[in-house]
C-alpha atoms as a PDB file:
ATOM      1  CA  CYS A   1     -40.392  30.608   9.898  1.00  0.00           C
ATOM      2  CA  LYS A   2     -37.943  31.689   7.193  1.00  0.00           C
ATOM      3  CA  SER A   3     -34.898  31.038   9.394  1.00  0.00           C
ATOM      4  CA  LYS A   4     -36.275  27.607  10.366  1.00  0.00           C
ATOM      5  CA  LEU A   5     -36.913  26.802   6.699  1.00  0.00           C
ATOM      6  CA  ASP A   6     -33.344  27.848   5.791  1.00  0.00           C
ATOM      7  CA  GLU A   7     -32.044  25.634   8.583  1.00  0.00           C
ATOM      8  CA  ILE A   8     -34.028  22.656   7.280  1.00  0.00           C
ATOM      9  CA  LYS A   9     -32.896  23.317   3.704  1.00  0.00           C
ATOM     10  CA  LYS A  10     -29.287  23.396   4.844  1.00  0.00           C
ATOM     11  CA  LEU A  11     -29.716  20.184   6.811  1.00  0.00           C
ATOM     12  CA  TYR A  12     -31.391  18.292   3.974  1.00  0.00           C
ATOM     13  CA  GLY A  13     -29.602  19.827   0.997  1.00  0.00           C
ATOM     14  CA  GLY A  14     -32.446  21.989  -0.227  1.00  0.00           C
ATOM     15  CA  TYR A  15     -35.411  20.346  -1.903  1.00  0.00           C
ATOM     16  CA  ASN A  16     -33.373  17.606  -3.555  1.00  0.00           C
ATOM     17  CA  TYR A  17     -33.400  15.105  -0.711  1.00  0.00           C
ATOM     18  CA  ILE A  18     -35.744  12.160  -1.216  1.00  0.00           C
ATOM     19  CA  VAL A  19     -36.636  10.080   1.823  1.00  0.00           C
ATOM     20  CA  PRO A  20     -35.683   6.496   0.951  1.00  0.00           C
ATOM     21  CA  SER A  21     -38.429   3.905   1.093  1.00  0.00           C
ATOM     22  CA  SER A  22     -36.079   1.051   1.960  1.00  0.00           C
ATOM     23  CA  LYS A  23     -33.740   0.804   4.914  1.00  0.00           C
ATOM     24  CA  THR A  24     -30.307   0.070   3.461  1.00  0.00           C
ATOM     25  CA  PRO A  25     -27.580  -1.489   5.653  1.00  0.00           C
ATOM     26  CA  LEU A  26     -24.274   0.391   5.365  1.00  0.00           C
ATOM     27  CA  VAL A  27     -22.218  -2.720   4.607  1.00  0.00           C
ATOM     28  CA  ASP A  28     -24.629  -3.873   1.898  1.00  0.00           C
ATOM     29  CA  TYR A  29     -24.564  -0.441   0.294  1.00  0.00           C
ATOM     30  CA  LEU A  30     -20.759  -0.292   0.352  1.00  0.00           C
ATOM     31  CA  LEU A  31     -20.300  -3.783  -1.107  1.00  0.00           C
ATOM     32  CA  ASP A  32     -23.257  -4.072  -3.469  1.00  0.00           C
ATOM     33  CA  THR A  33     -23.722  -0.529  -4.744  1.00  0.00           C
ATOM     34  CA  TRP A  34     -20.766   1.761  -4.099  1.00  0.00           C
ATOM     35  CA  LEU A  35     -18.012  -0.771  -4.818  1.00  0.00           C
ATOM     36  CA  VAL A  36     -19.766  -2.174  -7.888  1.00  0.00           C
ATOM     37  CA  GLN A  37     -20.161   1.351  -9.289  1.00  0.00           C
ATOM     38  CA  LYS A  38     -16.507   2.147  -8.544  1.00  0.00           C
ATOM     39  CA  GLU A  39     -15.392  -1.011 -10.301  1.00  0.00           C
ATOM     40  CA  LYS A  40     -17.508  -0.577 -13.409  1.00  0.00           C
ATOM     41  CA  LEU A  41     -17.635   3.187 -13.885  1.00  0.00           C
ATOM     42  CA  GLU A  42     -14.135   4.118 -12.755  1.00  0.00           C
ATOM     43  CA  ASN A  43     -12.464   1.016 -14.148  1.00  0.00           C
ATOM     44  CA  LEU A  44     -10.442   0.459 -10.975  1.00  0.00           C
ATOM     45  CA  LYS A  45      -7.812  -2.240 -10.790  1.00  0.00           C
ATOM     46  CA  LYS A  46      -8.869  -5.554  -9.296  1.00  0.00           C
ATOM     47  CA  SER A  47      -6.302  -5.090  -6.515  1.00  0.00           C
ATOM     48  CA  THR A  48      -7.872  -1.757  -5.487  1.00  0.00           C
ATOM     49  CA  ILE A  49     -11.342  -3.310  -5.398  1.00  0.00           C
ATOM     50  CA  ASN A  50     -10.003  -6.227  -3.332  1.00  0.00           C
ATOM     51  CA  THR A  51      -8.336  -3.814  -0.889  1.00  0.00           C
ATOM     52  CA  HIS A  52     -11.631  -1.935  -0.437  1.00  0.00           C
ATOM     53  CA  LYS A  53     -13.502  -5.232   0.064  1.00  0.00           C
ATOM     54  CA  GLN A  54     -10.932  -6.349   2.598  1.00  0.00           C
ATOM     55  CA  ARG A  55     -11.266  -3.119   4.605  1.00  0.00           C
ATOM     56  CA  ILE A  56     -15.061  -3.368   4.525  1.00  0.00           C
ATOM     57  CA  ASN A  57     -15.084  -7.013   5.627  1.00  0.00           C
ATOM     58  CA  LEU A  58     -12.290  -6.737   8.216  1.00  0.00           C
ATOM     59  CA  TYR A  59     -13.132  -3.463   9.930  1.00  0.00           C
ATOM     60  CA  ILE A  60     -16.492  -2.018   8.886  1.00  0.00           C
ATOM     61  CA  LYS A  61     -18.699  -5.132   8.761  1.00  0.00           C
ATOM     62  CA  PRO A  62     -17.949  -6.436  12.293  1.00  0.00           C
ATOM     63  CA  TYR A  63     -18.750  -3.059  13.865  1.00  0.00           C
ATOM     64  CA  PHE A  64     -21.756  -1.964  11.835  1.00  0.00           C
ATOM     65  CA  LYS A  65     -23.224  -5.424  11.122  1.00  0.00           C
ATOM     66  CA  THR A  66     -26.736  -4.554   9.899  1.00  0.00           C
ATOM     67  CA  MET A  67     -26.838  -0.838  10.814  1.00  0.00           C
ATOM     68  CA  GLU A  68     -28.847   1.153   8.338  1.00  0.00           C
ATOM     69  CA  ILE A  69     -27.020   3.852   6.439  1.00  0.00           C
ATOM     70  CA  GLN A  70     -29.858   6.277   7.266  1.00  0.00           C
ATOM     71  CA  LYS A  71     -29.182   5.904  11.021  1.00  0.00           C
ATOM     72  CA  LEU A  72     -25.492   6.837  10.877  1.00  0.00           C
ATOM     73  CA  ASN A  73     -24.316   9.974  12.613  1.00  0.00           C
ATOM     74  CA  VAL A  74     -21.025  11.567  13.647  1.00  0.00           C
ATOM     75  CA  LYS A  75     -21.172  10.107  17.150  1.00  0.00           C
ATOM     76  CA  ILE A  76     -21.460   6.558  15.784  1.00  0.00           C
ATOM     77  CA  ILE A  77     -18.626   7.123  13.281  1.00  0.00           C
ATOM     78  CA  ASN A  78     -16.364   8.590  16.001  1.00  0.00           C
ATOM     79  CA  GLY A  79     -17.148   5.624  18.253  1.00  0.00           C
ATOM     80  CA  PHE A  80     -16.149   3.300  15.434  1.00  0.00           C
ATOM     81  CA  TYR A  81     -12.801   5.058  14.890  1.00  0.00           C
ATOM     82  CA  THR A  82     -12.145   5.027  18.636  1.00  0.00           C
ATOM     83  CA  SER A  83     -12.832   1.282  18.771  1.00  0.00           C
ATOM     84  CA  LEU A  84     -10.282   0.721  16.011  1.00  0.00           C
ATOM     85  CA  LEU A  85      -7.485   2.596  17.810  1.00  0.00           C
ATOM     86  CA  ASN A  86      -6.432  -0.458  19.859  1.00  0.00           C
ATOM     87  CA  LYS A  87      -6.480  -2.731  16.821  1.00  0.00           C
ATOM     88  CA  ILE A  88      -4.931  -0.838  13.915  1.00  0.00           C
ATOM     89  CA  SER A  89      -2.731   2.177  13.273  1.00  0.00           C
ATOM     90  CA  PRO A  90      -4.127   5.701  12.866  1.00  0.00           C
ATOM     91  CA  HIS A  91      -2.926   5.614   9.258  1.00  0.00           C
ATOM     92  CA  THR A  92      -5.026   2.507   8.542  1.00  0.00           C
ATOM     93  CA  ILE A  93      -8.011   4.085  10.315  1.00  0.00           C
ATOM     94  CA  ARG A  94      -7.753   6.961   7.844  1.00  0.00           C
ATOM     95  CA  LYS A  95      -7.823   4.488   4.954  1.00  0.00           C
ATOM     96  CA  VAL A  96     -10.951   2.865   6.406  1.00  0.00           C
ATOM     97  CA  HIS A  97     -12.403   6.367   6.819  1.00  0.00           C
ATOM     98  CA  ASN A  98     -11.786   7.021   3.125  1.00  0.00           C
ATOM     99  CA  VAL A  99     -13.851   3.958   2.205  1.00  0.00           C
ATOM    100  CA  ILE A 100     -16.786   5.005   4.401  1.00  0.00           C
ATOM    101  CA  ASN A 101     -16.518   8.678   3.425  1.00  0.00           C
ATOM    102  CA  ASN A 102     -16.501   7.930  -0.307  1.00  0.00           C
ATOM    103  CA  GLY A 103     -19.371   5.482   0.105  1.00  0.00           C
ATOM    104  CA  LEU A 104     -21.438   8.052   1.992  1.00  0.00           C
ATOM    105  CA  LYS A 105     -20.669  10.715  -0.632  1.00  0.00           C
ATOM    106  CA  GLN A 106     -22.215   8.382  -3.188  1.00  0.00           C
ATOM    107  CA  ALA A 107     -25.172   7.704  -0.871  1.00  0.00           C
ATOM    108  CA  VAL A 108     -25.823  11.463  -0.728  1.00  0.00           C
ATOM    109  CA  THR A 109     -25.700  11.567  -4.538  1.00  0.00           C
ATOM    110  CA  ASP A 110     -28.054   8.573  -4.669  1.00  0.00           C
ATOM    111  CA  ARG A 111     -30.401  10.493  -2.314  1.00  0.00           C
ATOM    112  CA  LEU A 112     -30.287   7.777   0.364  1.00  0.00           C
ATOM    113  CA  ILE A 113     -29.047  10.199   3.019  1.00  0.00           C
ATOM    114  CA  PRO A 114     -29.168  13.978   3.265  1.00  0.00           C
ATOM    115  CA  TYR A 115     -25.677  14.464   4.668  1.00  0.00           C
ATOM    116  CA  ASN A 116     -22.307  12.706   4.808  1.00  0.00           C
ATOM    117  CA  CYS A 117     -21.596  12.451   8.536  1.00  0.00           C
ATOM    118  CA  CYS A 118     -17.959  11.467   7.875  1.00  0.00           C
ATOM    119  CA  ILE A 119     -17.217  15.080   6.984  1.00  0.00           C
ATOM    120  CA  ASP A 120     -17.360  16.047  10.665  1.00  0.00           C
ATOM    121  CA  ALA A 121     -15.744  12.890  12.055  1.00  0.00           C
ATOM    122  CA  ALA A 122     -12.679  13.159  14.276  1.00  0.00           C
ATOM    123  CA  LEU A 123      -9.754  11.240  12.849  1.00  0.00           C
ATOM    124  CA  PRO A 124      -6.738  10.149  14.877  1.00  0.00           C
ATOM    125  CA  LYS A 125      -3.501  11.968  14.201  1.00  0.00           C
ATOM    126  CA  PHE A 126      -0.458  10.054  13.090  1.00  0.00           C
ATOM    127  CA  LYS A 127       3.170  10.933  12.715  1.00  0.00           C
ATOM    128  CA  VAL A 128       5.066  10.274   9.530  1.00  0.00           C
ATOM    129  CA  LYS A 129       8.235   8.514  10.496  1.00  0.00           C
ATOM    130  CA  LYS A 130      11.270  10.230   9.094  1.00  0.00           C
ATOM    131  CA  GLY A 131      13.832   7.814   7.784  1.00  0.00           C
ATOM    132  CA  GLU A 132      17.476   8.207   8.623  1.00  0.00           C
ATOM    133  CA  SER A 133      20.157   7.996   6.007  1.00  0.00           C
ATOM    134  CA  LEU A 134      23.275   5.938   6.434  1.00  0.00           C
ATOM    135  CA  LYS A 135      26.243   7.722   7.978  1.00  0.00           C
ATOM    136  CA  LYS A 136      29.553   7.702   6.090  1.00  0.00           C
ATOM    137  CA  GLU A 137      31.297   5.761   8.852  1.00  0.00           C
ATOM    138  CA  ASP A 138      28.618   3.033   8.657  1.00  0.00           C
ATOM    139  CA  ILE A 139      29.132   2.296   4.926  1.00  0.00           C
ATOM    140  CA  PRO A 140      32.314   0.213   5.327  1.00  0.00           C
ATOM    141  CA  LYS A 141      30.665  -1.669   8.228  1.00  0.00           C
ATOM    142  CA  LEU A 142      27.646  -2.493   6.056  1.00  0.00           C
ATOM    143  CA  LEU A 143      29.802  -3.716   3.157  1.00  0.00           C
ATOM    144  CA  GLU A 144      31.920  -5.795   5.535  1.00  0.00           C
ATOM    145  CA  ALA A 145      28.786  -7.323   7.050  1.00  0.00           C
ATOM    146  CA  ALA A 146      27.576  -8.247   3.536  1.00  0.00           C
ATOM    147  CA  LYS A 147      30.897  -9.992   2.801  1.00  0.00           C
ATOM    148  CA  THR A 148      30.825 -11.784   6.151  1.00  0.00           C
ATOM    149  CA  TYR A 149      27.258 -12.937   5.518  1.00  0.00           C
ATOM    150  CA  GLN A 150      28.206 -14.366   2.124  1.00  0.00           C
ATOM    151  CA  ASN A 151      31.242 -16.184   3.515  1.00  0.00           C
ATOM    152  CA  GLY A 152      29.332 -17.521   6.527  1.00  0.00           C
ATOM    153  CA  THR A 153      26.322 -19.027   4.753  1.00  0.00           C
ATOM    154  CA  ASN A 154      26.084 -22.522   3.346  1.00  0.00           C
ATOM    155  CA  SER A 155      24.366 -21.266   0.229  1.00  0.00           C
ATOM    156  CA  LYS A 156      26.476 -19.427  -2.313  1.00  0.00           C
ATOM    157  CA  SER A 157      23.455 -18.636  -4.493  1.00  0.00           C
ATOM    158  CA  PHE A 158      22.736 -15.243  -2.899  1.00  0.00           C
ATOM    159  CA  ASN A 159      25.414 -12.624  -2.585  1.00  0.00           C
ATOM    160  CA  PRO A 160      24.102  -9.387  -1.053  1.00  0.00           C
ATOM    161  CA  TYR A 161      27.367  -7.485  -1.528  1.00  0.00           C
ATOM    162  CA  PRO A 162      26.852  -6.385  -5.180  1.00  0.00           C
ATOM    163  CA  ILE A 163      23.266  -5.305  -4.503  1.00  0.00           C
ATOM    164  CA  ILE A 164      24.236  -3.251  -1.459  1.00  0.00           C
ATOM    165  CA  ALA A 165      27.253  -1.737  -3.235  1.00  0.00           C
ATOM    166  CA  LEU A 166      25.075  -0.785  -6.215  1.00  0.00           C
ATOM    167  CA  ALA A 167      22.446   0.784  -3.954  1.00  0.00           C
ATOM    168  CA  LEU A 168      25.093   2.758  -2.058  1.00  0.00           C
ATOM    169  CA  ASN A 169      26.693   4.048  -5.242  1.00  0.00           C
ATOM    170  CA  THR A 170      23.490   4.936  -7.075  1.00  0.00           C
ATOM    171  CA  GLY A 171      21.319   6.127  -4.168  1.00  0.00           C
END
């Protein structure tokens, strides 16, 4: 009995978990509770709030529709990330994950759910593209192309040569 009790305590965070009386849809919680709290308590920039809203409305809302936050599990979250693989980059999936993960952390704090299932979710790997620097032999070609562009255009209002030369000389 003691080992079973310890298992239940671990699953539900000890005696602190309160079974919610209402069934809260994930999207509603993210938009109406989590995001509002982030905006007011953390004083986030309007652009950050808009980015979070955009991710919720573009990616999370179409998949989860009216799914209750209490019914989420790792399998559902992994299925969601898998469904996004054909639509967006792994890097963007991780940003969407951050929105859900942070929202579910708050839901645990608010005692709506006993456990944040995003903790165990499988995220797609992505490679950071390494940029290549310009080779010394390419510098004269670039400057010549900038001069040729300026001489070949009808508009004399934009001259890329000084900008490129400045960037090359100052790094």
